[in-house]
Amino acid sequence: MDARQDTQVRSEGGGRQARGALGRYGETLAARRLTQAGMTVLARNWRCGRTGEIDIVARDGDALVVCEVKTRRAGSFQHPMAAITQAKVSRLRGLAERWLKEHGGAPPGGVRIDLVGVLLPRRGAPVVEHVRGVA
């Protein structure tokens, strides 16, 4: 590997680390927002093998909430709320079913999929938007 390739690999790895840190920060802000809204966070970054991950699992009264968190820096190509696709919703539904199987079945209030978008402006406080029941 020449010096140019080594620099490129290190910078790409650093980019993944930076994105991971950005995502973790956004998830922390999202969990705080959900808690302030009266919800109880049950799990963060719940993984189901290779099937995927639920960013936040929470309880809202007698409902289970599967929450997808999208964090973007201001000026990014796409607003965080635009990042939820139908394929992502389908994957979240499947993950919710797996969670229920592992944790005792559906609660009386059913299951809801929420989205929290976190926008980090260059200056000022982060903007955290919570949309209930996107699917």
C-alpha atoms as a PDB file:
ATOM      1  CA  MET A   1       0.000   0.000   0.000  1.00  0.00           C
ATOM      2  CA  ASP A   2       1.487   3.369  -0.950  1.00  0.00           C
ATOM      3  CA  ALA A   3       1.280   6.495   1.235  1.00  0.00           C
ATOM      4  CA  ARG A   4      -1.659   7.918  -0.724  1.00  0.00           C
ATOM      5  CA  GLN A   5      -3.740   4.760  -0.257  1.00  0.00           C
ATOM      6  CA  ASP A   6      -2.812   4.588   3.444  1.00  0.00           C
ATOM      7  CA  THR A   7      -3.960   8.193   3.963  1.00  0.00           C
ATOM      8  CA  GLN A   8      -7.202   7.467   2.117  1.00  0.00           C
ATOM      9  CA  VAL A   9      -7.925   4.367   4.241  1.00  0.00           C
ATOM     10  CA  ARG A  10      -7.222   6.246   7.469  1.00  0.00           C
ATOM     11  CA  SER A  11      -9.438   9.172   6.427  1.00  0.00           C
ATOM     12  CA  GLU A  12     -12.270   6.839   5.429  1.00  0.00           C
ATOM     13  CA  GLY A  13     -12.016   5.009   8.761  1.00  0.00           C
ATOM     14  CA  GLY A  14     -12.064   8.343  10.562  1.00  0.00           C
ATOM     15  CA  GLY A  15     -15.187   9.269   8.615  1.00  0.00           C
ATOM     16  CA  ARG A  16     -16.941   6.154   9.860  1.00  0.00           C
ATOM     17  CA  GLN A  17     -15.894   6.976  13.399  1.00  0.00           C
ATOM     18  CA  ALA A  18     -17.133  10.549  13.030  1.00  0.00           C
ATOM     19  CA  ARG A  19     -20.474   9.345  11.614  1.00  0.00           C
ATOM     20  CA  GLY A  20     -20.760   6.869  14.487  1.00  0.00           C
ATOM     21  CA  ALA A  21     -20.113   9.609  17.032  1.00  0.00           C
ATOM     22  CA  LEU A  22     -22.631  11.867  15.273  1.00  0.00           C
ATOM     23  CA  GLY A  23     -25.220   9.097  15.347  1.00  0.00           C
ATOM     24  CA  ARG A  24     -24.608   8.304  19.021  1.00  0.00           C
ATOM     25  CA  TYR A  25     -24.930  11.987  19.903  1.00  0.00           C
ATOM     26  CA  GLY A  26     -28.211  12.212  17.981  1.00  0.00           C
ATOM     27  CA  GLU A  27     -29.527   9.083  19.707  1.00  0.00           C
ATOM     28  CA  THR A  28     -28.656  10.556  23.102  1.00  0.00           C
ATOM     29  CA  LEU A  29     -30.581  13.729  22.243  1.00  0.00           C
ATOM     30  CA  ALA A  30     -33.486  11.632  20.933  1.00  0.00           C
ATOM     31  CA  ALA A  31     -33.610   9.482  24.087  1.00  0.00           C
ATOM     32  CA  ARG A  32     -33.639  12.645  26.182  1.00  0.00           C
ATOM     33  CA  ARG A  33     -36.519  14.063  24.106  1.00  0.00           C
ATOM     34  CA  LEU A  34     -38.545  10.866  24.434  1.00  0.00           C
ATOM     35  CA  THR A  35     -37.966  10.771  28.190  1.00  0.00           C
ATOM     36  CA  GLN A  36     -39.024  14.417  28.490  1.00  0.00           C
ATOM     37  CA  ALA A  37     -42.208  13.483  26.621  1.00  0.00           C
ATOM     38  CA  GLY A  38     -42.992  10.931  29.352  1.00  0.00           C
ATOM     39  CA  MET A  39     -41.763   7.820  27.582  1.00  0.00           C
ATOM     40  CA  THR A  40     -39.548   5.165  29.157  1.00  0.00           C
ATOM     41  CA  VAL A  41     -36.520   4.080  27.137  1.00  0.00           C
ATOM     42  CA  LEU A  42     -36.243   0.288  27.343  1.00  0.00           C
ATOM     43  CA  ALA A  43     -33.260  -0.258  25.038  1.00  0.00           C
ATOM     44  CA  ARG A  44     -30.864   1.573  22.761  1.00  0.00           C
ATOM     45  CA  ASN A  45     -29.178   0.078  19.715  1.00  0.00           C
ATOM     46  CA  TRP A  46     -30.959  -3.267  20.061  1.00  0.00           C
ATOM     47  CA  ARG A  47     -29.455  -5.605  17.487  1.00  0.00           C
ATOM     48  CA  CYS A  48     -31.107  -8.602  15.953  1.00  0.00           C
ATOM     49  CA  GLY A  49     -28.301 -10.547  14.317  1.00  0.00           C
ATOM     50  CA  ARG A  50     -27.802  -9.461  10.750  1.00  0.00           C
ATOM     51  CA  THR A  51     -31.424  -8.394  10.408  1.00  0.00           C
ATOM     52  CA  GLY A  52     -30.734  -4.915  11.731  1.00  0.00           C
ATOM     53  CA  GLU A  53     -30.909  -2.630  14.680  1.00  0.00           C
ATOM     54  CA  ILE A  54     -33.561  -0.610  16.467  1.00  0.00           C
ATOM     55  CA  ASP A  55     -32.112   2.722  17.571  1.00  0.00           C
ATOM     56  CA  ILE A  56     -34.457   3.136  20.542  1.00  0.00           C
ATOM     57  CA  VAL A  57     -37.152   0.896  22.005  1.00  0.00           C
ATOM     58  CA  ALA A  58     -39.429   2.740  24.408  1.00  0.00           C
ATOM     59  CA  ARG A  59     -42.727   2.437  26.235  1.00  0.00           C
ATOM     60  CA  ASP A  60     -45.339   5.154  25.866  1.00  0.00           C
ATOM     61  CA  GLY A  61     -48.116   4.299  28.301  1.00  0.00           C
ATOM     62  CA  ASP A  62     -49.185   0.810  27.300  1.00  0.00           C
ATOM     63  CA  ALA A  63     -47.711   1.031  23.777  1.00  0.00           C
ATOM     64  CA  LEU A  64     -44.319  -0.189  22.612  1.00  0.00           C
ATOM     65  CA  VAL A  65     -42.475   2.355  20.479  1.00  0.00           C
ATOM     66  CA  VAL A  66     -39.797   1.431  17.969  1.00  0.00           C
ATOM     67  CA  CYS A  67     -37.942   4.626  17.232  1.00  0.00           C
ATOM     68  CA  GLU A  68     -35.661   5.364  14.307  1.00  0.00           C
ATOM     69  CA  VAL A  69     -33.234   8.240  14.849  1.00  0.00           C
ATOM     70  CA  LYS A  70     -31.710  10.182  11.972  1.00  0.00           C
ATOM     71  CA  THR A  71     -29.078  12.818  12.659  1.00  0.00           C
ATOM     72  CA  ARG A  72     -27.763  15.288  10.108  1.00  0.00           C
ATOM     73  CA  ARG A  73     -25.538  18.327  10.170  1.00  0.00           C
ATOM     74  CA  ALA A  74     -27.067  21.548   8.884  1.00  0.00           C
ATOM     75  CA  GLY A  75     -26.423  21.959   5.197  1.00  0.00           C
ATOM     76  CA  SER A  76     -26.484  18.210   4.586  1.00  0.00           C
ATOM     77  CA  PHE A  77     -27.956  16.931   1.370  1.00  0.00           C
ATOM     78  CA  GLN A  78     -31.065  15.524   3.027  1.00  0.00           C
ATOM     79  CA  HIS A  79     -33.201  16.592   5.984  1.00  0.00           C
ATOM     80  CA  PRO A  80     -33.220  13.844   8.629  1.00  0.00           C
ATOM     81  CA  MET A  81     -36.985  13.329   8.348  1.00  0.00           C
ATOM     82  CA  ALA A  82     -36.648  12.571   4.644  1.00  0.00           C
ATOM     83  CA  ALA A  83     -34.376   9.611   5.368  1.00  0.00           C
ATOM     84  CA  ILE A  84     -37.154   7.183   6.327  1.00  0.00           C
ATOM     85  CA  THR A  85     -38.015   5.034   3.329  1.00  0.00           C
ATOM     86  CA  GLN A  86     -40.706   2.433   2.873  1.00  0.00           C
ATOM     87  CA  ALA A  87     -37.991  -0.236   2.924  1.00  0.00           C
ATOM     88  CA  LYS A  88     -36.756   1.095   6.281  1.00  0.00           C
ATOM     89  CA  VAL A  89     -40.315   1.065   7.667  1.00  0.00           C
ATOM     90  CA  SER A  90     -40.724  -2.564   6.558  1.00  0.00           C
ATOM     91  CA  ARG A  91     -37.425  -3.506   8.198  1.00  0.00           C
ATOM     92  CA  LEU A  92     -38.476  -1.728  11.415  1.00  0.00           C
ATOM     93  CA  ARG A  93     -41.768  -3.648  11.453  1.00  0.00           C
ATOM     94  CA  GLY A  94     -39.880  -6.913  11.147  1.00  0.00           C
ATOM     95  CA  LEU A  95     -37.480  -5.895  13.918  1.00  0.00           C
ATOM     96  CA  ALA A  96     -40.426  -4.934  16.124  1.00  0.00           C
ATOM     97  CA  GLU A  97     -41.877  -8.429  15.624  1.00  0.00           C
ATOM     98  CA  ARG A  98     -38.538  -9.961  16.638  1.00  0.00           C
ATOM     99  CA  TRP A  99     -38.384  -7.725  19.736  1.00  0.00           C
ATOM    100  CA  LEU A 100     -41.896  -8.819  20.736  1.00  0.00           C
ATOM    101  CA  LYS A 101     -41.016 -12.508  20.340  1.00  0.00           C
ATOM    102  CA  GLU A 102     -37.971 -12.093  22.561  1.00  0.00           C
ATOM    103  CA  HIS A 103     -39.674  -9.899  25.160  1.00  0.00           C
ATOM    104  CA  GLY A 104     -43.050 -11.445  25.841  1.00  0.00           C
ATOM    105  CA  GLY A 105     -45.432 -10.450  23.070  1.00  0.00           C
ATOM    106  CA  ALA A 106     -47.434  -7.407  22.141  1.00  0.00           C
ATOM    107  CA  PRO A 107     -48.425  -4.916  24.819  1.00  0.00           C
ATOM    108  CA  PRO A 108     -52.089  -3.900  25.209  1.00  0.00           C
ATOM    109  CA  GLY A 109     -51.446  -0.583  23.439  1.00  0.00           C
ATOM    110  CA  GLY A 110     -49.846  -2.216  20.417  1.00  0.00           C
ATOM    111  CA  VAL A 111     -46.699  -1.162  18.609  1.00  0.00           C
ATOM    112  CA  ARG A 112     -45.926   2.193  17.070  1.00  0.00           C
ATOM    113  CA  ILE A 113     -43.030   3.308  14.894  1.00  0.00           C
ATOM    114  CA  ASP A 114     -41.764   6.820  15.567  1.00  0.00           C
ATOM    115  CA  LEU A 115     -39.056   8.902  13.968  1.00  0.00           C
ATOM    116  CA  VAL A 116     -36.787  11.390  15.675  1.00  0.00           C
ATOM    117  CA  GLY A 117     -34.863  13.726  13.414  1.00  0.00           C
ATOM    118  CA  VAL A 118     -31.919  15.613  14.851  1.00  0.00           C
ATOM    119  CA  LEU A 119     -30.525  18.570  12.937  1.00  0.00           C
ATOM    120  CA  LEU A 120     -27.220  19.987  14.141  1.00  0.00           C
ATOM    121  CA  PRO A 121     -26.796  23.592  13.002  1.00  0.00           C
ATOM    122  CA  ARG A 122     -23.356  25.144  12.627  1.00  0.00           C
ATOM    123  CA  ARG A 123     -24.218  27.486  15.499  1.00  0.00           C
ATOM    124  CA  GLY A 124     -26.854  27.201  18.168  1.00  0.00           C
ATOM    125  CA  ALA A 125     -28.751  24.388  19.776  1.00  0.00           C
ATOM    126  CA  PRO A 126     -29.651  21.140  18.013  1.00  0.00           C
ATOM    127  CA  VAL A 127     -33.167  20.890  16.615  1.00  0.00           C
ATOM    128  CA  VAL A 128     -34.895  17.660  17.663  1.00  0.00           C
ATOM    129  CA  GLU A 129     -38.174  16.722  15.941  1.00  0.00           C
ATOM    130  CA  HIS A 130     -40.290  13.763  17.078  1.00  0.00           C
ATOM    131  CA  VAL A 131     -42.924  12.358  14.753  1.00  0.00           C
ATOM    132  CA  ARG A 132     -45.217   9.741  16.259  1.00  0.00           C
ATOM    133  CA  GLY A 133     -46.674   6.911  14.254  1.00  0.00           C
ATOM    134  CA  VAL A 134     -44.833   7.211  10.939  1.00  0.00           C
ATOM    135  CA  ALA A 135     -46.013   3.689  10.194  1.00  0.00           C
END
